[in-house]
Structure formats: C-alpha cells, structure tokens
Amino acid sequence: MAGLRFSDLGNVLGLLGLASSLFTTIIGIVYTWYHHPVLQLKWSECGWSDTAATKWVDCNSEWASNFGMAQLPSLVPLLMGIFGTFMYRPMLLQVGGFPKNFVQYAVWLLFQGMFANFGYCGKLGVINGWFSIILAVASLVAEVTGLKTDRMLELTGHKLVSCGGSSASEKVSSRTTEKDGVKDYMPWAIVSAFFCPLLGGYGVYQASQVKKLRKKDPKAARRAAKSTTTWSLYALMLGVVILGAFTTIYVTDGRVMAPVAGGYGDDGDDGDDGDDAGDDAAGEAADATEETQA
C-alpha cells in the first residue's frame, strides 16, 4: 500500500479542520439545548400600566430576548460549526469559493476558536478552542510550504505551488486521475449508512451505480463515485454530530456539582447562607421573646 505523500498532508489538515468544525457544531447543539428559546407569550398578566416590578411595555420581554439579535450569541457556535463543516464539501456554499488557500482557512479557524469555542460549554469549548488555534497555526505553515486541499485545488483551477521535484501540474494530475478504473467506495458507503441510514443509504445506491456504469459509461461512473463520497461523508458527519451532541446532553443533563468539603457557602439543605445552627438559635430566641410579651 502506498505511503502518505507530502501533497496529501493538505487533505489531512483539511480533515482535522473538519473535525474541529464538527466538534464546534456539537458544542453549539449542546449549548442551545441548555439555552433554548422560551416559546411563551403572556396575555392575562399584561396590563396597560406600569407595575412595581416592570413597565407595561416589557410584559413579553422574555419572548423578545429569545429571538433576533438578542439570541444570536447563543447560536454562534452552532452557526459557525455548520458553516465550517460545509467548507469541506460545500454543495450550496459552492458559490462562496472559500477558502481558496490555507491563509484564509487559518483566519477562519482562529475566529472559530476565539468566538465559537471559548466561552461555550466549559472545558469542551476550551479544548476545541485550542485545537482550532493550533490548526490555524498549522494552516499558516501549510501555506508557506505550498500545501492545498483538493477543495482548494478545485477553487484555484488546479494550481498548486511546486515544493520541489515534479512540477505542479504533474502533482495535480496524480491526485485527480484514476489509475485502475473508477472506485465505487462501497465499504465507505456501508459504514456511513450505520451513522445515518437515509444519507448513507443513498451513498450505497450511488456506489452500486458505479459498478453498473464502470465499463458502459466511465463519465457517469465517475459522477456516481463522486456522489457516493459526498453523501457518505455527509452521513458520517451528521451521525457524528447527532451522536456526540446527544450523548453529551444525556451524560450531563441534571447533574449537579457536589458541595466542596470544608468550603464556604451553603451546605445545600435550606438554600440560605449556611449558618443553620445560628438561624435555629435566633429563631428560638425570637419565639421566647414573643411568648414573654404575650
């Protein structure tokens, strides 16, 4: 089996970036689960005059705070995670043409780590934030050495910076042409079907079409093979996000940190400042005084 070529390191770095965006999407789903919008409108409680607690115009302020720009900070990791994920196989984002090089990708990963990871979901956000920043630094190094992902090659018309040895056009040709016919990627599609039966099943169907068209219509077979890899990848990504997010929610939902031994604060039995013995003594003294006055 052929070893990993230097030109393939660009795709490896792209896959690691994809993993960081998938992790960001998981963080976004978990955070949104715990900060979901409250779909509740008040009617009978609302009047036409101010109360001691609030103004009458703010009666449904909770609804307003759950939508629009006020809710946007809670959705940042989810939105950035989804956008970063689709950079690898953009489909609807194809017209965006981003990123064309690793400098642009480094800027994106830096923003992802700083604004969509740090500050969300505690240690999960910190871990993925540093992972994104490390990948951003690695992306800058990759740009200096001339590495590209296959997606970047497509956007730049298959132009690759030569790193020595064979010419750039020869490297592109070696990465984009088939040597022994068209691969059907059936094992890849079958595995993806376990993560998402709907999308993975369609990938299996496309893989079966490759086998049928391989000799009759090579061009159609190549299109089917590309469709197989695309839908199989989407199935894997969706499955990983759903399994990761809801496993995290299941494990953490309802958990409460145990009180620190010997620490300050309440011991959790009555919700006050923790001085239960003093409170009981003060209450008994007050009752005795009331009985004396009576």
Protein backbone atom coordinates (compact mmCIF):
# COMPACT_ATOMS: atom_id res chain seq x y z
CA MET A 1 0.00 0.00 0.00
CA ALA A 2 1.37 3.38 -0.99
CA GLY A 3 2.50 5.61 1.79
CA LEU A 4 1.24 9.08 2.57
CA ARG A 5 2.66 11.63 0.13
CA PHE A 6 3.66 15.15 1.12
CA SER A 7 0.94 16.57 -1.14
CA ASP A 8 -1.67 14.57 0.81
CA LEU A 9 -0.87 16.43 4.04
CA GLY A 10 -3.07 19.27 2.84
CA ASN A 11 -6.08 16.95 2.83
CA VAL A 12 -5.11 15.61 6.26
CA LEU A 13 -5.04 19.15 7.64
CA GLY A 14 -8.38 19.83 5.97
CA LEU A 15 -9.87 16.76 7.65
CA LEU A 16 -8.57 17.90 11.03
CA GLY A 17 -10.18 21.28 10.41
CA LEU A 18 -13.40 19.48 9.53
CA ALA A 19 -13.18 17.60 12.85
CA SER A 20 -12.81 20.87 14.75
CA SER A 21 -15.88 22.30 13.00
CA LEU A 22 -17.87 19.15 13.75
CA PHE A 23 -16.85 19.48 17.40
CA THR A 24 -17.91 23.14 17.29
CA THR A 25 -21.30 22.08 15.92
CA ILE A 26 -21.67 19.60 18.78
CA ILE A 27 -20.83 22.38 21.26
CA GLY A 28 -23.43 24.57 19.57
CA ILE A 29 -26.15 21.94 19.84
CA VAL A 30 -25.38 21.22 23.49
CA TYR A 31 -25.28 24.92 24.38
CA THR A 32 -28.54 25.60 22.52
CA TRP A 33 -30.15 22.65 24.33
CA TYR A 34 -29.43 24.31 27.66
CA HIS A 35 -30.31 27.82 26.38
CA HIS A 36 -33.24 27.06 24.10
CA PRO A 37 -35.78 29.78 23.24
CA VAL A 38 -38.80 30.04 25.52
CA LEU A 39 -41.95 29.99 23.39
CA GLN A 40 -44.32 31.58 25.90
CA LEU A 41 -46.48 34.65 25.40
CA LYS A 42 -48.27 36.35 28.28
CA TRP A 43 -51.73 37.83 27.87
CA SER A 44 -53.79 37.94 31.04
CA GLU A 45 -50.72 39.04 33.03
CA CYS A 46 -50.18 42.05 30.78
CA GLY A 47 -51.87 45.32 31.60
CA TRP A 48 -51.79 48.90 30.36
CA SER A 49 -49.93 50.47 33.26
CA ASP A 50 -46.55 50.01 34.91
CA THR A 51 -46.17 47.75 37.91
CA ALA A 52 -43.71 47.93 40.77
CA ALA A 53 -41.57 45.28 39.10
CA THR A 54 -41.63 46.26 35.43
CA LYS A 55 -43.04 48.59 32.82
CA TRP A 56 -46.13 47.50 30.93
CA VAL A 57 -44.29 47.55 27.57
CA ASP A 58 -41.88 44.88 28.87
CA CYS A 59 -44.54 42.32 29.75
CA ASN A 60 -43.35 39.98 26.97
CA SER A 61 -39.69 40.96 27.10
CA GLU A 62 -38.74 37.30 27.68
CA TRP A 63 -40.05 36.44 24.21
CA ALA A 64 -38.08 39.31 22.67
CA SER A 65 -34.87 38.23 24.40
CA ASN A 66 -35.16 34.72 22.92
CA PHE A 67 -35.23 35.77 19.28
CA GLY A 68 -33.44 38.11 16.93
CA MET A 69 -30.11 39.70 17.76
CA ALA A 70 -30.53 39.06 21.47
CA GLN A 71 -30.42 35.29 20.88
CA LEU A 72 -27.56 35.44 18.35
CA PRO A 73 -24.68 35.00 20.85
CA SER A 74 -26.15 31.66 21.94
CA LEU A 75 -26.23 30.47 18.32
CA VAL A 76 -22.68 31.49 17.35
CA PRO A 77 -21.03 28.06 17.89
CA LEU A 78 -23.85 26.24 16.10
CA LEU A 79 -23.83 28.55 13.08
CA MET A 80 -20.04 28.74 12.78
CA GLY A 81 -19.73 24.99 13.27
CA ILE A 82 -22.19 24.25 10.46
CA PHE A 83 -20.57 26.76 8.12
CA GLY A 84 -17.09 25.41 8.86
CA THR A 85 -18.28 21.85 8.29
CA PHE A 86 -19.70 22.63 4.87
CA MET A 87 -16.41 24.17 3.74
CA TYR A 88 -15.11 20.66 3.16
CA ARG A 89 -17.95 19.61 0.82
CA PRO A 90 -19.86 22.84 0.26
CA MET A 91 -22.72 21.95 -2.15
CA LEU A 92 -24.95 25.01 -1.56
CA LEU A 93 -21.92 27.01 -0.41
CA GLN A 94 -20.05 26.19 -3.64
CA VAL A 95 -20.52 29.72 -4.97
CA GLY A 96 -18.77 31.14 -1.90
CA GLY A 97 -15.39 29.89 -3.07
CA PHE A 98 -13.98 29.87 0.46
CA PRO A 99 -11.34 29.06 1.49
CA LYS A 100 -9.06 29.25 -1.56
CA ASN A 101 -5.88 28.85 0.48
CA PHE A 102 -4.67 27.97 3.95
CA VAL A 103 -4.24 31.62 4.98
CA GLN A 104 -7.99 32.14 4.65
CA TYR A 105 -8.62 28.85 6.44
CA ALA A 106 -6.24 29.85 9.25
CA VAL A 107 -8.19 33.09 9.80
CA TRP A 108 -11.43 31.12 9.90
CA LEU A 109 -10.08 28.58 12.40
CA LEU A 110 -8.76 31.39 14.59
CA PHE A 111 -12.17 33.07 14.66
CA GLN A 112 -13.83 29.73 15.29
CA GLY A 113 -11.64 29.05 18.29
CA MET A 114 -11.86 32.55 19.78
CA PHE A 115 -15.55 33.31 19.25
CA ALA A 116 -17.34 29.96 18.83
CA ASN A 117 -15.45 27.70 21.26
CA PHE A 118 -14.02 29.67 24.17
CA GLY A 119 -16.87 30.72 26.42
CA TYR A 120 -19.21 27.87 25.50
CA CYS A 121 -19.72 24.50 27.25
CA GLY A 122 -16.88 24.91 29.74
CA LYS A 123 -13.92 22.61 29.18
CA LEU A 124 -15.32 21.28 25.88
CA GLY A 125 -15.10 24.76 24.42
CA VAL A 126 -11.61 25.35 25.82
CA ILE A 127 -10.30 22.06 24.40
CA ASN A 128 -11.71 22.64 20.93
CA GLY A 129 -10.76 26.30 21.02
CA TRP A 130 -7.08 25.49 21.49
CA PHE A 131 -7.37 22.71 18.92
CA SER A 132 -8.71 25.22 16.38
CA ILE A 133 -5.96 27.71 17.16
CA ILE A 134 -3.26 25.04 16.79
CA LEU A 135 -4.75 24.08 13.43
CA ALA A 136 -4.74 27.76 12.43
CA VAL A 137 -1.00 27.93 13.09
CA ALA A 138 -0.51 24.67 11.18
CA SER A 139 -2.51 26.13 8.28
CA LEU A 140 -0.13 29.09 8.06
CA VAL A 141 2.79 26.66 7.91
CA ALA A 142 0.97 24.69 5.21
CA GLU A 143 0.52 27.83 3.12
CA VAL A 144 4.23 28.58 3.33
CA THR A 145 5.09 25.07 2.15
CA GLY A 146 2.57 25.22 -0.70
CA LEU A 147 0.09 22.61 0.50
CA LYS A 148 -3.50 22.58 -0.73
CA THR A 149 -6.60 20.51 -0.13
CA ASP A 150 -8.46 19.03 -3.10
CA ARG A 151 -11.19 21.59 -2.47
CA MET A 152 -8.65 24.44 -2.75
CA LEU A 153 -7.30 22.94 -5.97
CA GLU A 154 -10.80 22.98 -7.46
CA LEU A 155 -11.31 26.62 -6.49
CA THR A 156 -7.96 27.73 -7.92
CA GLY A 157 -8.25 25.81 -11.18
CA HIS A 158 -5.88 23.02 -10.09
CA LYS A 159 -2.96 25.35 -9.46
CA LEU A 160 -0.56 24.03 -6.87
CA VAL A 161 2.66 25.61 -5.63
CA SER A 162 5.53 23.31 -6.50
CA CYS A 163 7.52 22.17 -3.48
CA GLY A 164 10.37 20.70 -5.48
CA GLY A 165 10.69 17.53 -7.53
CA SER A 166 7.88 17.08 -10.03
CA SER A 167 6.02 20.02 -11.47
CA ALA A 168 2.81 21.35 -10.03
CA SER A 169 0.69 20.12 -12.94
CA GLU A 170 2.09 16.62 -12.56
CA LYS A 171 1.17 16.61 -8.86
CA VAL A 172 -2.36 17.71 -9.60
CA SER A 173 -2.71 15.06 -12.26
CA SER A 174 -1.52 12.35 -9.89
CA ARG A 175 -4.14 13.39 -7.33
CA THR A 176 -7.14 13.82 -9.62
CA THR A 177 -6.97 10.98 -12.16
CA GLU A 178 -7.95 7.34 -11.74
CA LYS A 179 -5.32 4.69 -12.43
CA ASP A 180 -7.29 1.45 -12.42
CA GLY A 181 -10.83 2.42 -13.34
CA VAL A 182 -13.38 4.12 -11.11
CA LYS A 183 -13.65 3.17 -7.45
CA ASP A 184 -17.13 2.51 -6.11
CA TYR A 185 -16.35 3.30 -2.42
CA MET A 186 -18.93 0.72 -1.34
CA PRO A 187 -17.30 -0.10 2.05
CA TRP A 188 -17.15 3.62 2.85
CA ALA A 189 -20.83 3.99 1.94
CA ILE A 190 -21.90 0.97 4.01
CA VAL A 191 -20.10 2.28 7.10
CA SER A 192 -21.71 5.71 6.67
CA ALA A 193 -25.16 4.10 6.49
CA PHE A 194 -24.78 2.99 10.13
CA PHE A 195 -24.31 6.64 11.16
CA CYS A 196 -27.19 8.00 9.08
CA PRO A 197 -29.30 5.40 7.24
CA LEU A 198 -31.03 7.93 4.97
CA LEU A 199 -27.97 9.72 3.58
CA GLY A 200 -25.70 6.68 3.85
CA GLY A 201 -28.29 4.54 2.07
CA TYR A 202 -28.27 6.95 -0.84
CA GLY A 203 -24.48 6.69 -0.88
CA VAL A 204 -24.79 2.89 -1.09
CA TYR A 205 -27.17 3.29 -4.03
CA GLN A 206 -24.70 5.56 -5.84
CA ALA A 207 -21.90 3.08 -5.17
CA SER A 208 -23.96 0.33 -6.78
CA GLN A 209 -24.46 2.60 -9.80
CA VAL A 210 -20.68 2.92 -10.13
CA LYS A 211 -20.37 -0.86 -10.51
CA LYS A 212 -23.02 -0.88 -13.23
CA LEU A 213 -21.61 2.06 -15.18
CA ARG A 214 -17.89 1.42 -14.75
CA LYS A 215 -17.47 -0.18 -18.19
CA LYS A 216 -20.52 1.15 -20.02
CA ASP A 217 -20.18 4.86 -19.21
CA PRO A 218 -16.97 5.87 -17.37
CA LYS A 219 -18.01 9.53 -17.10
CA ALA A 220 -21.32 8.64 -15.47
CA ALA A 221 -19.47 6.20 -13.21
CA ARG A 222 -17.11 8.98 -12.07
CA ARG A 223 -20.08 11.23 -11.30
CA ALA A 224 -21.69 8.44 -9.29
CA ALA A 225 -18.42 7.81 -7.45
CA LYS A 226 -18.16 11.48 -6.51
CA SER A 227 -21.76 11.44 -5.34
CA THR A 228 -21.01 8.33 -3.26
CA THR A 229 -18.14 10.02 -1.40
CA THR A 230 -20.13 13.23 -0.91
CA TRP A 231 -23.27 11.62 0.54
CA SER A 232 -21.28 9.12 2.58
CA LEU A 233 -19.28 11.96 4.10
CA TYR A 234 -22.48 13.87 4.93
CA ALA A 235 -23.89 10.74 6.57
CA LEU A 236 -20.79 10.33 8.71
CA MET A 237 -20.71 14.00 9.69
CA LEU A 238 -24.39 14.10 10.59
CA GLY A 239 -24.15 10.87 12.55
CA VAL A 240 -21.09 12.03 14.49
CA VAL A 241 -22.74 15.36 15.35
CA ILE A 242 -26.02 13.79 16.50
CA LEU A 243 -24.37 11.00 18.49
CA GLY A 244 -21.79 13.34 20.03
CA ALA A 245 -24.26 16.07 20.95
CA PHE A 246 -26.98 13.92 22.48
CA THR A 247 -24.52 11.64 24.25
CA THR A 248 -23.06 14.74 25.90
CA ILE A 249 -26.53 16.00 26.80
CA TYR A 250 -27.56 12.62 28.19
CA VAL A 251 -24.43 12.31 30.34
CA THR A 252 -24.53 15.87 31.70
CA ASP A 253 -28.26 16.66 31.92
CA GLY A 254 -29.43 17.10 35.50
CA ARG A 255 -26.01 16.67 37.06
CA VAL A 256 -25.20 18.99 39.96
CA MET A 257 -21.72 19.51 41.34
CA ALA A 258 -21.27 18.09 44.82
CA PRO A 259 -20.53 20.63 47.60
CA VAL A 260 -16.87 21.21 48.32
CA ALA A 261 -15.82 19.77 51.67
CA GLY A 262 -14.82 22.48 54.11
CA GLY A 263 -15.70 25.22 51.65
CA TYR A 264 -17.69 28.36 52.11
CA GLY A 265 -21.33 28.81 51.27
CA ASP A 266 -24.48 26.89 51.98
CA ASP A 267 -24.43 23.14 52.56
CA GLY A 268 -27.47 22.75 50.34
CA ASP A 269 -30.13 21.89 52.93
CA ASP A 270 -32.15 25.08 53.02
CA GLY A 271 -30.76 27.48 50.42
CA ASP A 272 -29.60 30.18 52.84
CA ASP A 273 -26.12 31.34 53.82
CA GLY A 274 -25.22 28.05 55.50
CA ASP A 275 -25.38 29.15 59.15
CA ASP A 276 -28.21 26.77 60.03
CA ALA A 277 -27.34 26.41 63.73
CA GLY A 278 -27.24 30.19 64.19
CA ASP A 279 -30.53 30.60 62.36
CA ASP A 280 -32.20 27.97 64.56
CA ALA A 281 -30.90 29.63 67.76
CA ALA A 282 -32.06 33.05 66.58
CA GLY A 283 -35.49 31.65 65.75
CA GLU A 284 -35.88 30.05 69.20
CA ALA A 285 -34.86 33.31 70.92
CA ALA A 286 -37.45 35.24 68.89
CA ASP A 287 -40.18 32.77 69.82
CA ALA A 288 -39.27 33.00 73.52
CA THR A 289 -39.47 36.82 73.38
CA GLU A 290 -42.90 36.72 71.76
CA GLU A 291 -44.19 34.34 74.43
CA THR A 292 -42.85 36.61 77.23
CA GLN A 293 -44.53 39.68 75.73
CA ALA A 294 -47.77 37.76 75.39
